[in-house]
């Protein structure tokens, strides 16, 4: 269990856990978008 006085910002376990979760979610959404549209992410935003 975590200490309730631990800050909720900066490099700590709470922030790093959520950063990892959101990164995984973004990666899965990016892959799903590529599968649905048939275009890569760079093509979708007009860079290629």
C-alpha atoms as a PDB file:
ATOM      1  CA  UNK A   1       0.000   0.000   0.000  1.00  0.00           C
ATOM      2  CA  UNK A   2       1.269   3.488  -0.814  1.00  0.00           C
ATOM      3  CA  UNK A   3       1.754   6.275   1.676  1.00  0.00           C
ATOM      4  CA  UNK A   4      -0.990   8.897   1.348  1.00  0.00           C
ATOM      5  CA  UNK A   5       1.584  11.677   1.872  1.00  0.00           C
ATOM      6  CA  UNK A   6       3.512  10.673  -1.268  1.00  0.00           C
ATOM      7  CA  UNK A   7       3.280  13.460  -3.881  1.00  0.00           C
ATOM      8  CA  UNK A   8       1.206  12.684  -6.962  1.00  0.00           C
ATOM      9  CA  UNK A   9       3.552  14.432  -9.433  1.00  0.00           C
ATOM     10  CA  UNK A  10       7.091  13.976 -10.686  1.00  0.00           C
ATOM     11  CA  UNK A  11       8.911  10.667 -11.037  1.00  0.00           C
ATOM     12  CA  UNK A  12       7.135   8.369  -8.608  1.00  0.00           C
ATOM     13  CA  UNK A  13       5.397   5.004  -8.896  1.00  0.00           C
ATOM     14  CA  UNK A  14       1.924   6.529  -9.243  1.00  0.00           C
ATOM     15  CA  UNK A  15       2.919   8.791 -12.143  1.00  0.00           C
ATOM     16  CA  UNK A  16       5.000   6.143 -13.887  1.00  0.00           C
ATOM     17  CA  UNK A  17       2.204   3.562 -13.641  1.00  0.00           C
ATOM     18  CA  UNK A  18      -0.306   5.923 -15.275  1.00  0.00           C
ATOM     19  CA  UNK A  19       2.228   7.024 -17.870  1.00  0.00           C
ATOM     20  CA  UNK A  20       2.753   3.393 -18.883  1.00  0.00           C
ATOM     21  CA  UNK A  21      -0.954   2.654 -19.000  1.00  0.00           C
ATOM     22  CA  UNK A  22      -1.719   5.687 -21.152  1.00  0.00           C
ATOM     23  CA  UNK A  23       1.191   4.897 -23.479  1.00  0.00           C
ATOM     24  CA  UNK A  24      -0.127   1.363 -23.992  1.00  0.00           C
ATOM     25  CA  UNK A  25      -3.615   2.715 -24.633  1.00  0.00           C
ATOM     26  CA  UNK A  26      -2.289   5.196 -27.207  1.00  0.00           C
ATOM     27  CA  UNK A  27      -0.320   2.476 -28.961  1.00  0.00           C
ATOM     28  CA  UNK A  28      -3.375   0.196 -29.224  1.00  0.00           C
ATOM     29  CA  UNK A  29      -5.548   3.059 -30.490  1.00  0.00           C
ATOM     30  CA  UNK A  30      -2.902   3.907 -33.096  1.00  0.00           C
ATOM     31  CA  UNK A  31      -2.765   0.308 -34.324  1.00  0.00           C
ATOM     32  CA  UNK A  32      -6.558   0.047 -34.433  1.00  0.00           C
ATOM     33  CA  UNK A  33      -6.776   3.289 -36.407  1.00  0.00           C
ATOM     34  CA  UNK A  34      -4.252   1.973 -38.924  1.00  0.00           C
ATOM     35  CA  UNK A  35      -6.215  -1.265 -39.331  1.00  0.00           C
ATOM     36  CA  UNK A  36      -9.537   0.555 -39.768  1.00  0.00           C
ATOM     37  CA  UNK A  37      -8.351   3.226 -42.222  1.00  0.00           C
ATOM     38  CA  UNK A  38      -5.661   1.271 -44.050  1.00  0.00           C
ATOM     39  CA  UNK A  39      -3.285   4.230 -43.737  1.00  0.00           C
ATOM     40  CA  UNK A  40      -0.333   4.745 -41.447  1.00  0.00           C
ATOM     41  CA  UNK A  41      -0.423   7.386 -38.733  1.00  0.00           C
ATOM     42  CA  UNK A  42       1.912   9.689 -40.656  1.00  0.00           C
ATOM     43  CA  UNK A  43      -0.327   9.467 -43.728  1.00  0.00           C
ATOM     44  CA  UNK A  44      -3.384  10.299 -41.671  1.00  0.00           C
ATOM     45  CA  UNK A  45      -1.889  13.526 -40.376  1.00  0.00           C
ATOM     46  CA  UNK A  46      -0.560  14.486 -43.818  1.00  0.00           C
ATOM     47  CA  UNK A  47       3.192  14.020 -43.344  1.00  0.00           C
ATOM     48  CA  UNK A  48       3.587  11.390 -46.061  1.00  0.00           C
END
